[in-house]
Amino acid sequence: MQASERAELERRLGYAFRDIAWLDLAMTHSSHFGESREPGEPVSNERLELLGDAVVGLAVTDQLTRVFPQWSLGRLNRAKAHLVSAEMLASVARRLGLGQFLLLGAGEDRTGGREKPRLLADAYEAVVAAIYRDGGPEAAARFVLNTLWEPALESGLEALAELDPKSALQERLRQLQLDPGEYCLVSSSGPEHERTFRIEFRVGGKPVASAEGRSKKQAELQAARLALVAFEQSTAGKKQAPQ
């Protein structure tokens, strides 16, 4: 990278490197050197990406457990999985404009490498690791907080960590030590363009709840909601029953 490009990238990152070589390495994809690599030159950002994956995971887990002490382990894991997903990290990389600064091989560049989600996610993790190496754990954690954590909170992280009805039902069935059950199509009616489906949720072959929807997925979600209510009412009734 040229000096002006490095300065612009540092401005976007909000971090000034003491050793700019870390930033250069973070932006170097394995396709860049190829067979023309000189002895002693960095191979790629792959090692930094490996370290960055761990640093991002630790920073996110630390924040989740601090900010949401009331959340269950399942909800914490769902939120973490969302935050550290390749899709999320790639979106952060796009927002920072990392793609335009990547050092790619000609072939990778021609095939749209600067916009590939996996490549962008790796670049973000490599940048996190580069900051970790250059400025230490606190600097890296602060970068993750500013670029990943805070934007995620603003976009509704709490809602994203909620279980969908079908997942919530499976978690409840595990708690009750019951088998996972199954969704069965009972009937479908109406013209092709306005079809209505009735789905029944069964556990051990016995019906628990049924619902209709304009699609099988919609009907399954509603059946899961009703099944959850049925299990909660059943459990509450057992607790209140006289001994």
C-alpha atoms as a PDB file:
ATOM      1  CA  MET A   1       0.000   0.000   0.000  1.00  0.00           C
ATOM      2  CA  GLN A   2       1.015   3.581  -0.570  1.00  0.00           C
ATOM      3  CA  ALA A   3       1.558   5.852   2.446  1.00  0.00           C
ATOM      4  CA  SER A   4      -1.587   7.813   1.601  1.00  0.00           C
ATOM      5  CA  GLU A   5      -3.628   4.583   1.485  1.00  0.00           C
ATOM      6  CA  ARG A   6      -2.270   3.483   4.844  1.00  0.00           C
ATOM      7  CA  ALA A   7      -3.157   6.846   6.372  1.00  0.00           C
ATOM      8  CA  GLU A   8      -6.693   6.665   4.995  1.00  0.00           C
ATOM      9  CA  LEU A   9      -7.168   3.122   6.263  1.00  0.00           C
ATOM     10  CA  GLU A  10      -5.890   4.063   9.724  1.00  0.00           C
ATOM     11  CA  ARG A  11      -8.389   6.932   9.762  1.00  0.00           C
ATOM     12  CA  ARG A  12     -11.239   4.571   8.933  1.00  0.00           C
ATOM     13  CA  LEU A  13     -10.122   2.092  11.558  1.00  0.00           C
ATOM     14  CA  GLY A  14      -9.699   4.773  14.194  1.00  0.00           C
ATOM     15  CA  TYR A  15      -6.318   3.367  15.116  1.00  0.00           C
ATOM     16  CA  ALA A  16      -2.762   4.578  14.367  1.00  0.00           C
ATOM     17  CA  PHE A  17      -0.223   1.770  14.107  1.00  0.00           C
ATOM     18  CA  ARG A  18       3.148   2.079  15.764  1.00  0.00           C
ATOM     19  CA  ASP A  19       4.483  -0.608  13.417  1.00  0.00           C
ATOM     20  CA  ILE A  20       2.701  -0.184  10.081  1.00  0.00           C
ATOM     21  CA  ALA A  21       3.986  -3.585   8.928  1.00  0.00           C
ATOM     22  CA  TRP A  22       1.177  -5.201  10.945  1.00  0.00           C
ATOM     23  CA  LEU A  23      -1.418  -3.345   8.901  1.00  0.00           C
ATOM     24  CA  ASP A  24       0.281  -4.282   5.630  1.00  0.00           C
ATOM     25  CA  LEU A  25       0.265  -7.936   6.644  1.00  0.00           C
ATOM     26  CA  ALA A  26      -3.396  -7.802   7.681  1.00  0.00           C
ATOM     27  CA  MET A  27      -4.318  -6.545   4.220  1.00  0.00           C
ATOM     28  CA  THR A  28      -2.266  -9.168   2.340  1.00  0.00           C
ATOM     29  CA  HIS A  29      -4.297 -12.048   0.912  1.00  0.00           C
ATOM     30  CA  SER A  30      -2.595 -15.339   0.117  1.00  0.00           C
ATOM     31  CA  SER A  31      -3.178 -14.774  -3.604  1.00  0.00           C
ATOM     32  CA  HIS A  32      -1.145 -11.556  -3.679  1.00  0.00           C
ATOM     33  CA  PHE A  33       2.393 -12.942  -3.883  1.00  0.00           C
ATOM     34  CA  GLY A  34       1.802 -16.312  -5.471  1.00  0.00           C
ATOM     35  CA  GLU A  35       4.958 -17.678  -7.027  1.00  0.00           C
ATOM     36  CA  SER A  36       6.564 -14.232  -7.145  1.00  0.00           C
ATOM     37  CA  ARG A  37       7.011 -14.040  -3.377  1.00  0.00           C
ATOM     38  CA  GLU A  38      10.536 -13.149  -2.351  1.00  0.00           C
ATOM     39  CA  PRO A  39      12.249 -14.949   0.547  1.00  0.00           C
ATOM     40  CA  GLY A  40      11.408 -13.292   3.852  1.00  0.00           C
ATOM     41  CA  GLU A  41       8.281 -11.540   2.562  1.00  0.00           C
ATOM     42  CA  PRO A  42       5.017 -12.158   4.481  1.00  0.00           C
ATOM     43  CA  VAL A  43       2.957 -14.968   2.999  1.00  0.00           C
ATOM     44  CA  SER A  44      -0.519 -13.675   3.876  1.00  0.00           C
ATOM     45  CA  ASN A  45      -2.865 -12.573   6.623  1.00  0.00           C
ATOM     46  CA  GLU A  46      -3.913 -16.169   7.387  1.00  0.00           C
ATOM     47  CA  ARG A  47      -2.057 -16.417  10.711  1.00  0.00           C
ATOM     48  CA  LEU A  48      -3.424 -13.066  11.816  1.00  0.00           C
ATOM     49  CA  GLU A  49      -6.908 -14.191  10.820  1.00  0.00           C
ATOM     50  CA  LEU A  50      -6.560 -17.242  13.096  1.00  0.00           C
ATOM     51  CA  LEU A  51      -5.517 -15.060  16.029  1.00  0.00           C
ATOM     52  CA  GLY A  52      -8.159 -12.455  15.253  1.00  0.00           C
ATOM     53  CA  ASP A  53     -10.898 -15.082  15.340  1.00  0.00           C
ATOM     54  CA  ALA A  54      -9.980 -15.852  18.964  1.00  0.00           C
ATOM     55  CA  VAL A  55      -9.641 -12.178  19.933  1.00  0.00           C
ATOM     56  CA  VAL A  56     -13.033 -11.257  18.456  1.00  0.00           C
ATOM     57  CA  GLY A  57     -14.663 -14.231  20.183  1.00  0.00           C
ATOM     58  CA  LEU A  58     -13.186 -13.285  23.550  1.00  0.00           C
ATOM     59  CA  ALA A  59     -14.125  -9.602  23.237  1.00  0.00           C
ATOM     60  CA  VAL A  60     -17.705 -10.431  22.234  1.00  0.00           C
ATOM     61  CA  THR A  61     -18.145 -13.038  24.973  1.00  0.00           C
ATOM     62  CA  ASP A  62     -16.755 -10.651  27.585  1.00  0.00           C
ATOM     63  CA  GLN A  63     -19.207  -7.917  26.555  1.00  0.00           C
ATOM     64  CA  LEU A  64     -22.203 -10.244  26.390  1.00  0.00           C
ATOM     65  CA  THR A  65     -21.639 -11.656  29.861  1.00  0.00           C
ATOM     66  CA  ARG A  66     -21.043  -8.189  31.322  1.00  0.00           C
ATOM     67  CA  VAL A  67     -23.953  -6.372  29.692  1.00  0.00           C
ATOM     68  CA  PHE A  68     -26.545  -9.169  29.857  1.00  0.00           C
ATOM     69  CA  PRO A  69     -25.968 -11.045  33.160  1.00  0.00           C
ATOM     70  CA  GLN A  70     -29.620 -12.177  33.169  1.00  0.00           C
ATOM     71  CA  TRP A  71     -29.446 -13.994  29.823  1.00  0.00           C
ATOM     72  CA  SER A  72     -29.454 -17.781  29.690  1.00  0.00           C
ATOM     73  CA  LEU A  73     -26.444 -19.642  28.317  1.00  0.00           C
ATOM     74  CA  GLY A  74     -28.451 -20.518  25.217  1.00  0.00           C
ATOM     75  CA  ARG A  75     -29.302 -16.899  24.507  1.00  0.00           C
ATOM     76  CA  LEU A  76     -25.695 -15.811  25.064  1.00  0.00           C
ATOM     77  CA  ASN A  77     -24.487 -18.455  22.622  1.00  0.00           C
ATOM     78  CA  ARG A  78     -27.034 -17.400  19.997  1.00  0.00           C
ATOM     79  CA  ALA A  79     -25.981 -13.768  20.299  1.00  0.00           C
ATOM     80  CA  LYS A  80     -22.297 -14.671  20.092  1.00  0.00           C
ATOM     81  CA  ALA A  81     -22.860 -16.890  17.051  1.00  0.00           C
ATOM     82  CA  HIS A  82     -24.624 -14.011  15.322  1.00  0.00           C
ATOM     83  CA  LEU A  83     -21.918 -11.473  16.146  1.00  0.00           C
ATOM     84  CA  VAL A  84     -18.934 -13.584  15.116  1.00  0.00           C
ATOM     85  CA  SER A  85     -20.568 -15.025  11.986  1.00  0.00           C
ATOM     86  CA  ALA A  86     -18.828 -14.510   8.657  1.00  0.00           C
ATOM     87  CA  GLU A  87     -21.859 -12.575   7.452  1.00  0.00           C
ATOM     88  CA  MET A  88     -21.678 -10.088  10.329  1.00  0.00           C
ATOM     89  CA  LEU A  89     -17.903  -9.642  10.148  1.00  0.00           C
ATOM     90  CA  ALA A  90     -18.085  -9.152   6.379  1.00  0.00           C
ATOM     91  CA  SER A  91     -20.703  -6.426   6.839  1.00  0.00           C
ATOM     92  CA  VAL A  92     -18.395  -4.622   9.281  1.00  0.00           C
ATOM     93  CA  ALA A  93     -15.519  -4.966   6.808  1.00  0.00           C
ATOM     94  CA  ARG A  94     -17.691  -3.442   4.074  1.00  0.00           C
ATOM     95  CA  ARG A  95     -18.641  -0.560   6.322  1.00  0.00           C
ATOM     96  CA  LEU A  96     -14.958   0.123   6.974  1.00  0.00           C
ATOM     97  CA  GLY A  97     -14.154  -0.254   3.281  1.00  0.00           C
ATOM     98  CA  LEU A  98     -11.490  -2.898   3.834  1.00  0.00           C
ATOM     99  CA  GLY A  99     -12.044  -4.452   0.414  1.00  0.00           C
ATOM    100  CA  GLN A 100     -10.488  -1.567  -1.496  1.00  0.00           C
ATOM    101  CA  PHE A 101      -7.269  -1.815   0.519  1.00  0.00           C
ATOM    102  CA  LEU A 102      -6.735  -5.564   0.181  1.00  0.00           C
ATOM    103  CA  LEU A 103      -3.623  -6.748  -1.611  1.00  0.00           C
ATOM    104  CA  LEU A 104      -4.900  -9.470  -3.944  1.00  0.00           C
ATOM    105  CA  GLY A 105      -3.570 -11.543  -6.781  1.00  0.00           C
ATOM    106  CA  ALA A 106      -4.754 -10.516 -10.250  1.00  0.00           C
ATOM    107  CA  GLY A 107      -7.000 -13.560 -10.594  1.00  0.00           C
ATOM    108  CA  GLU A 108      -8.667 -13.060  -7.211  1.00  0.00           C
ATOM    109  CA  ASP A 109      -9.185  -9.392  -7.987  1.00  0.00           C
ATOM    110  CA  ARG A 110     -10.798 -10.142 -11.361  1.00  0.00           C
ATOM    111  CA  THR A 111     -13.256 -12.583  -9.810  1.00  0.00           C
ATOM    112  CA  GLY A 112     -14.561 -10.051  -7.299  1.00  0.00           C
ATOM    113  CA  GLY A 113     -12.373 -10.946  -4.338  1.00  0.00           C
ATOM    114  CA  ARG A 114     -12.823  -7.525  -2.767  1.00  0.00           C
ATOM    115  CA  GLU A 115     -16.512  -8.267  -2.228  1.00  0.00           C
ATOM    116  CA  LYS A 116     -16.375 -11.922  -1.193  1.00  0.00           C
ATOM    117  CA  PRO A 117     -17.920 -12.277   2.302  1.00  0.00           C
ATOM    118  CA  ARG A 118     -15.467 -14.895   3.568  1.00  0.00           C
ATOM    119  CA  LEU A 119     -12.466 -12.931   2.364  1.00  0.00           C
ATOM    120  CA  LEU A 120     -13.803  -9.713   3.947  1.00  0.00           C
ATOM    121  CA  ALA A 121     -14.564 -11.472   7.239  1.00  0.00           C
ATOM    122  CA  ASP A 122     -11.017 -12.844   7.304  1.00  0.00           C
ATOM    123  CA  ALA A 123      -9.644  -9.368   6.627  1.00  0.00           C
ATOM    124  CA  TYR A 124     -11.573  -7.924   9.587  1.00  0.00           C
ATOM    125  CA  GLU A 125     -10.250 -10.643  11.895  1.00  0.00           C
ATOM    126  CA  ALA A 126      -6.727 -10.032  10.578  1.00  0.00           C
ATOM    127  CA  VAL A 127      -7.043  -6.309  11.338  1.00  0.00           C
ATOM    128  CA  VAL A 128      -8.184  -7.119  14.895  1.00  0.00           C
ATOM    129  CA  ALA A 129      -5.137  -9.359  15.340  1.00  0.00           C
ATOM    130  CA  ALA A 130      -2.840  -6.715  13.854  1.00  0.00           C
ATOM    131  CA  ILE A 131      -4.101  -4.187  16.409  1.00  0.00           C
ATOM    132  CA  TYR A 132      -3.674  -6.816  19.122  1.00  0.00           C
ATOM    133  CA  ARG A 133      -0.047  -7.349  18.123  1.00  0.00           C
ATOM    134  CA  ASP A 134       0.643  -3.646  17.720  1.00  0.00           C
ATOM    135  CA  GLY A 135      -1.231  -2.148  20.668  1.00  0.00           C
ATOM    136  CA  GLY A 136      -2.155  -5.012  22.960  1.00  0.00           C
ATOM    137  CA  PRO A 137      -5.378  -6.697  24.121  1.00  0.00           C
ATOM    138  CA  GLU A 138      -7.090  -3.519  25.323  1.00  0.00           C
ATOM    139  CA  ALA A 139      -6.608  -1.734  21.999  1.00  0.00           C
ATOM    140  CA  ALA A 140      -7.968  -4.741  20.091  1.00  0.00           C
ATOM    141  CA  ALA A 141     -10.960  -5.099  22.418  1.00  0.00           C
ATOM    142  CA  ARG A 142     -11.710  -1.389  22.065  1.00  0.00           C
ATOM    143  CA  PHE A 143     -11.635  -1.704  18.283  1.00  0.00           C
ATOM    144  CA  VAL A 144     -14.087  -4.644  18.364  1.00  0.00           C
ATOM    145  CA  LEU A 145     -16.310  -2.672  20.736  1.00  0.00           C
ATOM    146  CA  ASN A 146     -16.394   0.369  18.451  1.00  0.00           C
ATOM    147  CA  THR A 147     -16.753  -1.394  15.103  1.00  0.00           C
ATOM    148  CA  LEU A 148     -18.756  -4.538  15.893  1.00  0.00           C
ATOM    149  CA  TRP A 149     -20.397  -4.461  19.323  1.00  0.00           C
ATOM    150  CA  GLU A 150     -21.904  -0.975  19.458  1.00  0.00           C
ATOM    151  CA  PRO A 151     -23.394  -1.062  15.924  1.00  0.00           C
ATOM    152  CA  ALA A 152     -24.911  -4.479  16.731  1.00  0.00           C
ATOM    153  CA  LEU A 153     -26.553  -3.103  19.876  1.00  0.00           C
ATOM    154  CA  GLU A 154     -28.026  -0.221  17.906  1.00  0.00           C
ATOM    155  CA  SER A 155     -29.476  -2.608  15.311  1.00  0.00           C
ATOM    156  CA  GLY A 156     -31.290  -4.680  17.933  1.00  0.00           C
ATOM    157  CA  LEU A 157     -28.975  -7.409  19.247  1.00  0.00           C
ATOM    158  CA  GLU A 158     -31.427  -8.346  22.009  1.00  0.00           C
ATOM    159  CA  ALA A 159     -34.173  -9.205  19.517  1.00  0.00           C
ATOM    160  CA  LEU A 160     -31.770 -11.205  17.343  1.00  0.00           C
ATOM    161  CA  ALA A 161     -30.796 -13.312  20.355  1.00  0.00           C
ATOM    162  CA  GLU A 162     -34.403 -14.311  21.011  1.00  0.00           C
ATOM    163  CA  LEU A 163     -35.426 -17.837  20.105  1.00  0.00           C
ATOM    164  CA  ASP A 164     -37.810 -18.372  17.213  1.00  0.00           C
ATOM    165  CA  PRO A 165     -40.887 -20.419  18.269  1.00  0.00           C
ATOM    166  CA  LYS A 166     -39.636 -23.695  16.786  1.00  0.00           C
ATOM    167  CA  SER A 167     -36.235 -23.408  18.507  1.00  0.00           C
ATOM    168  CA  ALA A 168     -37.891 -22.379  21.782  1.00  0.00           C
ATOM    169  CA  LEU A 169     -40.154 -25.416  21.548  1.00  0.00           C
ATOM    170  CA  GLN A 170     -37.188 -27.730  21.041  1.00  0.00           C
ATOM    171  CA  GLU A 171     -35.436 -26.232  24.047  1.00  0.00           C
ATOM    172  CA  ARG A 172     -38.578 -26.748  26.149  1.00  0.00           C
ATOM    173  CA  LEU A 173     -38.892 -30.355  25.006  1.00  0.00           C
ATOM    174  CA  ARG A 174     -35.279 -31.005  26.021  1.00  0.00           C
ATOM    175  CA  GLN A 175     -35.998 -29.538  29.454  1.00  0.00           C
ATOM    176  CA  LEU A 176     -39.001 -31.858  29.788  1.00  0.00           C
ATOM    177  CA  GLN A 177     -36.886 -34.791  28.543  1.00  0.00           C
ATOM    178  CA  LEU A 178     -39.279 -35.473  25.673  1.00  0.00           C
ATOM    179  CA  ASP A 179     -38.456 -36.474  22.112  1.00  0.00           C
ATOM    180  CA  PRO A 180     -38.149 -33.657  19.512  1.00  0.00           C
ATOM    181  CA  GLY A 181     -41.569 -34.314  18.018  1.00  0.00           C
ATOM    182  CA  GLU A 182     -42.545 -33.759  14.398  1.00  0.00           C
ATOM    183  CA  TYR A 183     -44.558 -31.410  12.201  1.00  0.00           C
ATOM    184  CA  CYS A 184     -47.135 -33.261  10.104  1.00  0.00           C
ATOM    185  CA  LEU A 185     -49.108 -31.877   7.195  1.00  0.00           C
ATOM    186  CA  VAL A 186     -52.734 -32.692   7.982  1.00  0.00           C
ATOM    187  CA  SER A 187     -54.445 -31.003   5.039  1.00  0.00           C
ATOM    188  CA  SER A 188     -54.179 -28.343   2.371  1.00  0.00           C
ATOM    189  CA  SER A 189     -57.029 -26.496   0.697  1.00  0.00           C
ATOM    190  CA  GLY A 190     -57.812 -23.647  -1.646  1.00  0.00           C
ATOM    191  CA  PRO A 191     -56.601 -22.719  -5.138  1.00  0.00           C
ATOM    192  CA  GLU A 192     -52.903 -23.031  -5.984  1.00  0.00           C
ATOM    193  CA  HIS A 193     -52.193 -19.309  -5.537  1.00  0.00           C
ATOM    194  CA  GLU A 194     -54.087 -19.080  -2.203  1.00  0.00           C
ATOM    195  CA  ARG A 195     -53.316 -22.410  -0.600  1.00  0.00           C
ATOM    196  CA  THR A 196     -53.947 -22.918   3.112  1.00  0.00           C
ATOM    197  CA  PHE A 197     -51.988 -25.553   5.013  1.00  0.00           C
ATOM    198  CA  ARG A 198     -52.851 -27.193   8.321  1.00  0.00           C
ATOM    199  CA  ILE A 199     -49.889 -28.511  10.299  1.00  0.00           C
ATOM    200  CA  GLU A 200     -50.081 -30.629  13.423  1.00  0.00           C
ATOM    201  CA  PHE A 201     -47.227 -30.900  15.902  1.00  0.00           C
ATOM    202  CA  ARG A 202     -46.973 -34.328  17.494  1.00  0.00           C
ATOM    203  CA  VAL A 203     -44.822 -35.768  20.265  1.00  0.00           C
ATOM    204  CA  GLY A 204     -44.611 -39.522  20.525  1.00  0.00           C
ATOM    205  CA  GLY A 205     -47.264 -39.772  17.826  1.00  0.00           C
ATOM    206  CA  LYS A 206     -49.759 -37.789  19.910  1.00  0.00           C
ATOM    207  CA  PRO A 207     -51.053 -34.396  18.674  1.00  0.00           C
ATOM    208  CA  VAL A 208     -50.091 -31.421  20.838  1.00  0.00           C
ATOM    209  CA  ALA A 209     -51.176 -28.456  18.713  1.00  0.00           C
ATOM    210  CA  SER A 210     -52.271 -27.629  15.173  1.00  0.00           C
ATOM    211  CA  ALA A 211     -52.450 -24.433  13.134  1.00  0.00           C
ATOM    212  CA  GLU A 212     -53.131 -23.118   9.662  1.00  0.00           C
ATOM    213  CA  GLY A 213     -51.047 -20.832   7.474  1.00  0.00           C
ATOM    214  CA  ARG A 214     -50.600 -19.602   3.914  1.00  0.00           C
ATOM    215  CA  SER A 215     -47.369 -21.602   3.798  1.00  0.00           C
ATOM    216  CA  LYS A 216     -46.138 -24.725   5.558  1.00  0.00           C
ATOM    217  CA  LYS A 217     -43.482 -22.675   7.372  1.00  0.00           C
ATOM    218  CA  GLN A 218     -46.049 -20.182   8.636  1.00  0.00           C
ATOM    219  CA  ALA A 219     -48.298 -22.975   9.857  1.00  0.00           C
ATOM    220  CA  GLU A 220     -45.374 -24.733  11.571  1.00  0.00           C
ATOM    221  CA  LEU A 221     -44.371 -21.550  13.418  1.00  0.00           C
ATOM    222  CA  GLN A 222     -47.921 -21.017  14.657  1.00  0.00           C
ATOM    223  CA  ALA A 223     -48.223 -24.667  15.694  1.00  0.00           C
ATOM    224  CA  ALA A 224     -44.950 -24.312  17.624  1.00  0.00           C
ATOM    225  CA  ARG A 225     -46.302 -21.242  19.444  1.00  0.00           C
ATOM    226  CA  LEU A 226     -49.469 -23.103  20.421  1.00  0.00           C
ATOM    227  CA  ALA A 227     -47.477 -26.165  21.504  1.00  0.00           C
ATOM    228  CA  LEU A 228     -45.325 -23.990  23.743  1.00  0.00           C
ATOM    229  CA  VAL A 229     -48.445 -22.589  25.394  1.00  0.00           C
ATOM    230  CA  ALA A 230     -49.830 -26.106  25.838  1.00  0.00           C
ATOM    231  CA  PHE A 231     -46.642 -27.346  27.507  1.00  0.00           C
ATOM    232  CA  GLU A 232     -46.451 -24.287  29.778  1.00  0.00           C
ATOM    233  CA  GLN A 233     -50.084 -24.730  30.865  1.00  0.00           C
ATOM    234  CA  SER A 234     -49.552 -28.432  31.447  1.00  0.00           C
ATOM    235  CA  THR A 235     -46.447 -27.795  33.553  1.00  0.00           C
ATOM    236  CA  ALA A 236     -48.166 -25.049  35.550  1.00  0.00           C
ATOM    237  CA  GLY A 237     -51.119 -27.360  36.231  1.00  0.00           C
ATOM    238  CA  LYS A 238     -48.869 -30.083  37.621  1.00  0.00           C
ATOM    239  CA  LYS A 239     -47.157 -27.601  39.939  1.00  0.00           C
ATOM    240  CA  GLN A 240     -50.499 -26.393  41.305  1.00  0.00           C
ATOM    241  CA  ALA A 241     -52.033 -29.845  41.739  1.00  0.00           C
ATOM    242  CA  PRO A 242     -52.620 -30.810  45.394  1.00  0.00           C
ATOM    243  CA  GLN A 243     -50.242 -33.328  46.876  1.00  0.00           C
END
